[in-house]
C-alpha cells in the first residue's frame, strides 16, 4: 500500500492554525458572549478536532472506509454531546 508523504510545511501550517484557534478560544472567553459563549467554544473546539483528525491522524489521505468510520464516530460523538447537553439543560441548572 502506498503512503502519502505529508510535508513539514503542511504540519507547520496546521500547527499555526491550531495555535490561532487556541488564541481565538482564549479571546472568546474574554469577550463575555453570554449565552453564545458555549456555542463559540464548541465551534472552535470542533474545528480544532477536525484539523487534528484530518492531518495528524492522517485521515485526509486515507481510504474511503476510514472516512466512513471517522464520520460515523464523529456523528456518534455529536449525538452523545447532544444528549448530555439536553440532560444538563433539562435539570434547571442553567440560568441560576
N, C-alpha and C. Protein backbone atom coordinates (compact mmCIF):
# COMPACT_ATOMS: atom_id res chain seq x y z
N UNK A 1 0.84 -1.16 0.00
CA UNK A 1 0.00 0.00 0.00
C UNK A 1 0.89 1.24 0.00
N UNK A 2 0.61 2.16 -0.88
CA UNK A 2 1.38 3.39 -0.98
C UNK A 2 0.94 4.38 0.09
N UNK A 3 1.91 5.03 0.69
CA UNK A 3 1.63 6.02 1.73
C UNK A 3 1.88 7.41 1.18
N UNK A 4 1.03 8.33 1.53
CA UNK A 4 1.20 9.71 1.13
C UNK A 4 2.15 10.38 2.11
N UNK A 5 3.14 11.08 1.57
CA UNK A 5 4.09 11.79 2.40
C UNK A 5 3.59 13.22 2.57
N UNK A 6 3.39 13.61 3.81
CA UNK A 6 2.91 14.96 4.10
C UNK A 6 4.11 15.81 4.46
N UNK A 7 4.19 16.98 3.84
CA UNK A 7 5.36 17.83 4.05
C UNK A 7 5.36 18.49 5.43
N UNK A 8 6.52 18.89 5.84
CA UNK A 8 6.68 19.59 7.11
C UNK A 8 5.93 20.92 7.05
N UNK A 9 5.89 21.53 5.88
CA UNK A 9 5.17 22.80 5.70
C UNK A 9 3.69 22.64 6.04
N UNK A 10 3.08 21.54 5.61
CA UNK A 10 1.67 21.29 5.92
C UNK A 10 1.46 21.15 7.41
N UNK A 11 2.34 20.39 8.07
CA UNK A 11 2.24 20.24 9.52
C UNK A 11 2.41 21.59 10.22
N UNK A 12 3.33 22.41 9.74
CA UNK A 12 3.56 23.72 10.35
C UNK A 12 2.33 24.62 10.18
N UNK A 13 1.71 24.58 9.02
CA UNK A 13 0.50 25.39 8.78
C UNK A 13 -0.63 24.94 9.69
N UNK A 14 -0.82 23.64 9.80
CA UNK A 14 -1.88 23.12 10.68
C UNK A 14 -1.58 23.47 12.13
N UNK A 15 -0.32 23.38 12.52
CA UNK A 15 0.06 23.75 13.89
C UNK A 15 -0.23 25.23 14.14
N UNK A 16 0.11 26.08 13.19
CA UNK A 16 -0.17 27.52 13.36
C UNK A 16 -1.67 27.79 13.41
N UNK A 17 -2.44 27.06 12.61
CA UNK A 17 -3.90 27.20 12.67
C UNK A 17 -4.44 26.79 14.03
N UNK A 18 -3.90 25.71 14.58
CA UNK A 18 -4.32 25.26 15.91
C UNK A 18 -3.96 26.29 16.98
N UNK A 19 -2.79 26.92 16.86
CA UNK A 19 -2.41 27.96 17.82
C UNK A 19 -3.30 29.19 17.66
N UNK A 20 -3.66 29.53 16.44
CA UNK A 20 -4.58 30.65 16.19
C UNK A 20 -5.96 30.36 16.77
N UNK A 21 -6.42 29.14 16.61
CA UNK A 21 -7.71 28.76 17.18
C UNK A 21 -7.67 28.71 18.70
N UNK A 22 -6.51 28.35 19.27
CA UNK A 22 -6.37 28.41 20.72
C UNK A 22 -6.47 29.85 21.21
N UNK A 23 -5.83 30.76 20.48
CA UNK A 23 -5.93 32.18 20.82
C UNK A 23 -7.38 32.67 20.67
N UNK A 24 -8.09 32.16 19.66
CA UNK A 24 -9.50 32.53 19.48
C UNK A 24 -10.35 32.02 20.64
N UNK A 25 -10.03 30.84 21.14
CA UNK A 25 -10.75 30.31 22.30
C UNK A 25 -10.53 31.19 23.53
N UNK A 26 -9.29 31.58 23.75
CA UNK A 26 -8.98 32.46 24.88
C UNK A 26 -9.63 33.82 24.69
N UNK A 27 -9.56 34.34 23.48
CA UNK A 27 -10.19 35.63 23.19
C UNK A 27 -11.69 35.60 23.36
N UNK A 28 -12.32 34.50 22.97
CA UNK A 28 -13.77 34.36 23.12
C UNK A 28 -14.15 34.34 24.60
N UNK A 29 -13.27 33.81 25.43
CA UNK A 29 -13.54 33.80 26.87
C UNK A 29 -13.60 35.22 27.43
N UNK A 30 -12.72 36.08 26.97
CA UNK A 30 -12.66 37.44 27.48
C UNK A 30 -13.70 38.37 26.85
N UNK A 31 -14.39 37.93 25.82
CA UNK A 31 -15.42 38.76 25.18
C UNK A 31 -16.73 38.77 25.95
N UNK A 32 -16.92 37.83 26.87
CA UNK A 32 -18.15 37.72 27.65
C UNK A 32 -19.37 37.66 26.71
N UNK A 33 -19.46 36.58 25.97
CA UNK A 33 -20.51 36.41 24.96
C UNK A 33 -21.85 36.00 25.55
N UNK A 34 -21.92 35.77 26.81
CA UNK A 34 -23.19 35.41 27.44
C UNK A 34 -23.60 33.99 27.06
N UNK A 35 -24.83 33.88 26.53
CA UNK A 35 -25.35 32.56 26.16
C UNK A 35 -24.63 31.96 24.95
N UNK A 36 -23.98 32.77 24.17
CA UNK A 36 -23.29 32.29 22.97
C UNK A 36 -21.86 31.80 23.28
N UNK A 37 -21.42 31.94 24.51
CA UNK A 37 -20.06 31.53 24.86
C UNK A 37 -19.85 30.04 24.65
N UNK A 38 -20.82 29.23 25.06
CA UNK A 38 -20.69 27.79 24.89
C UNK A 38 -20.69 27.42 23.41
N UNK A 39 -21.56 28.04 22.64
CA UNK A 39 -21.61 27.75 21.20
C UNK A 39 -20.31 28.13 20.51
N UNK A 40 -19.75 29.28 20.87
CA UNK A 40 -18.49 29.71 20.27
C UNK A 40 -17.36 28.76 20.66
N UNK A 41 -17.30 28.40 21.92
CA UNK A 41 -16.24 27.49 22.38
C UNK A 41 -16.36 26.12 21.70
N UNK A 42 -17.57 25.61 21.58
CA UNK A 42 -17.77 24.31 20.95
C UNK A 42 -17.44 24.35 19.46
N UNK A 43 -17.80 25.44 18.79
CA UNK A 43 -17.50 25.57 17.36
C UNK A 43 -15.98 25.57 17.14
N UNK A 44 -15.27 26.34 17.95
CA UNK A 44 -13.82 26.38 17.82
C UNK A 44 -13.21 25.02 18.15
N UNK A 45 -13.73 24.35 19.17
CA UNK A 45 -13.21 23.03 19.55
C UNK A 45 -13.45 22.00 18.45
N UNK A 46 -14.60 22.07 17.80
CA UNK A 46 -14.89 21.13 16.71
C UNK A 46 -13.94 21.36 15.54
N UNK A 47 -13.68 22.62 15.22
CA UNK A 47 -12.74 22.92 14.13
C UNK A 47 -11.35 22.38 14.46
N UNK A 48 -10.91 22.57 15.71
CA UNK A 48 -9.60 22.05 16.11
C UNK A 48 -9.58 20.52 16.04
N UNK A 49 -10.64 19.88 16.47
CA UNK A 49 -10.70 18.41 16.44
C UNK A 49 -10.64 17.90 15.00
N UNK A 50 -11.34 18.57 14.11
CA UNK A 50 -11.34 18.15 12.70
C UNK A 50 -9.94 18.29 12.10
N UNK A 51 -9.25 19.39 12.42
CA UNK A 51 -7.88 19.56 11.92
C UNK A 51 -6.96 18.45 12.43
N UNK A 52 -7.08 18.12 13.70
CA UNK A 52 -6.22 17.06 14.26
C UNK A 52 -6.52 15.72 13.60
N UNK A 53 -7.80 15.41 13.45
CA UNK A 53 -8.17 14.13 12.83
C UNK A 53 -7.71 14.06 11.38
N UNK A 54 -7.92 15.12 10.63
CA UNK A 54 -7.56 15.10 9.20
C UNK A 54 -6.06 15.00 8.96
N UNK A 55 -5.29 15.78 9.70
CA UNK A 55 -3.86 15.86 9.37
C UNK A 55 -2.97 15.03 10.29
N UNK A 56 -3.15 15.12 11.59
CA UNK A 56 -2.25 14.40 12.48
C UNK A 56 -2.62 12.93 12.60
N UNK A 57 -3.87 12.58 12.33
CA UNK A 57 -4.27 11.17 12.33
C UNK A 57 -4.32 10.62 10.91
N UNK A 58 -3.95 11.42 9.93
CA UNK A 58 -3.79 11.03 8.52
C UNK A 58 -5.07 10.53 7.87
N UNK A 59 -6.21 11.02 8.31
CA UNK A 59 -7.48 10.59 7.72
C UNK A 59 -7.68 11.23 6.35
N UNK A 60 -7.14 12.40 6.14
CA UNK A 60 -7.34 13.12 4.88
C UNK A 60 -6.87 12.29 3.68
N UNK A 61 -5.82 11.55 3.84
CA UNK A 61 -5.25 10.79 2.72
C UNK A 61 -5.52 9.29 2.86
N UNK A 62 -6.51 8.92 3.65
CA UNK A 62 -6.81 7.51 3.87
C UNK A 62 -7.90 7.02 2.92
N UNK A 63 -8.24 5.76 3.05
CA UNK A 63 -9.24 5.13 2.19
C UNK A 63 -10.64 5.61 2.55
N UNK A 64 -11.59 5.29 1.69
CA UNK A 64 -12.98 5.69 1.91
C UNK A 64 -13.57 5.02 3.16
N UNK A 65 -13.15 3.82 3.42
CA UNK A 65 -13.63 3.13 4.62
C UNK A 65 -13.21 3.86 5.89
N UNK A 66 -11.99 4.36 5.90
CA UNK A 66 -11.52 5.14 7.05
C UNK A 66 -12.34 6.41 7.20
N UNK A 67 -12.69 7.04 6.08
CA UNK A 67 -13.53 8.24 6.13
C UNK A 67 -14.91 7.91 6.71
N UNK A 68 -15.49 6.79 6.28
CA UNK A 68 -16.81 6.41 6.77
C UNK A 68 -16.77 6.16 8.27
N UNK A 69 -15.77 5.45 8.73
CA UNK A 69 -15.65 5.17 10.16
C UNK A 69 -15.42 6.47 10.94
N UNK A 70 -14.58 7.35 10.43
CA UNK A 70 -14.30 8.62 11.12
C UNK A 70 -15.54 9.49 11.19
N UNK A 71 -16.27 9.60 10.10
CA UNK A 71 -17.50 10.41 10.10
C UNK A 71 -18.54 9.79 11.02
N UNK A 72 -18.65 8.47 11.00
CA UNK A 72 -19.60 7.79 11.89
C UNK A 72 -19.26 8.02 13.35
N UNK A 73 -17.97 7.95 13.69
CA UNK A 73 -17.55 8.19 15.06
C UNK A 73 -17.81 9.63 15.47
N UNK A 74 -17.58 10.57 14.57
CA UNK A 74 -17.84 11.98 14.86
C UNK A 74 -19.34 12.23 15.05
N UNK A 75 -20.17 11.62 14.22
CA UNK A 75 -21.63 11.76 14.37
C UNK A 75 -22.09 11.16 15.71
N UNK A 76 -21.54 10.03 16.08
CA UNK A 76 -21.89 9.41 17.36
C UNK A 76 -21.48 10.32 18.52
N UNK A 77 -20.31 10.94 18.41
CA UNK A 77 -19.87 11.88 19.44
C UNK A 77 -20.82 13.06 19.55
N UNK A 78 -21.29 13.57 18.42
CA UNK A 78 -22.24 14.69 18.44
C UNK A 78 -23.58 14.27 19.07
N UNK A 79 -24.00 13.05 18.82
CA UNK A 79 -25.23 12.54 19.45
C UNK A 79 -25.05 12.49 20.96
N UNK A 80 -23.91 11.96 21.41
CA UNK A 80 -23.66 11.88 22.85
C UNK A 80 -23.58 13.26 23.48
N UNK A 81 -22.92 14.21 22.82
CA UNK A 81 -22.88 15.58 23.33
C UNK A 81 -24.28 16.17 23.39
N UNK A 82 -25.07 15.95 22.35
CA UNK A 82 -26.44 16.48 22.32
C UNK A 82 -27.28 15.93 23.46
N UNK A 83 -27.18 14.64 23.70
CA UNK A 83 -27.93 14.05 24.81
C UNK A 83 -27.45 14.56 26.17
N UNK A 84 -26.14 14.74 26.30
CA UNK A 84 -25.60 15.26 27.55
C UNK A 84 -26.06 16.69 27.80
N UNK A 85 -25.98 17.54 26.77
CA UNK A 85 -26.40 18.93 26.94
C UNK A 85 -27.90 19.02 27.16
N UNK A 86 -28.66 18.15 26.52
CA UNK A 86 -30.11 18.14 26.73
C UNK A 86 -30.42 17.80 28.19
N UNK A 87 -29.73 16.83 28.75
CA UNK A 87 -29.93 16.47 30.15
C UNK A 87 -29.52 17.62 31.06
N UNK A 88 -28.41 18.26 30.75
CA UNK A 88 -27.93 19.37 31.56
C UNK A 88 -28.94 20.53 31.58
N UNK A 89 -29.49 20.85 30.41
CA UNK A 89 -30.46 21.95 30.32
C UNK A 89 -31.77 21.58 31.00
N UNK A 90 -32.19 20.32 30.88
CA UNK A 90 -33.48 19.89 31.43
C UNK A 90 -33.48 19.87 32.95
N UNK A 91 -32.34 19.87 33.60
CA UNK A 91 -32.30 19.82 35.06
C UNK A 91 -32.60 21.17 35.71
N UNK A 92 -32.65 22.22 34.95
CA UNK A 92 -32.97 23.53 35.50
C UNK A 92 -31.80 24.25 36.13
N UNK A 93 -30.58 23.77 35.89
CA UNK A 93 -29.40 24.42 36.47
C UNK A 93 -28.98 25.63 35.67
N UNK A 94 -29.35 25.67 34.38
CA UNK A 94 -28.94 26.77 33.52
C UNK A 94 -29.67 28.04 33.92
N UNK A 95 -28.93 29.11 34.05
CA UNK A 95 -29.54 30.39 34.36
C UNK A 95 -29.65 30.70 35.84
N UNK A 96 -29.14 29.86 36.68
CA UNK A 96 -29.21 30.11 38.13
C UNK A 96 -27.96 30.82 38.61
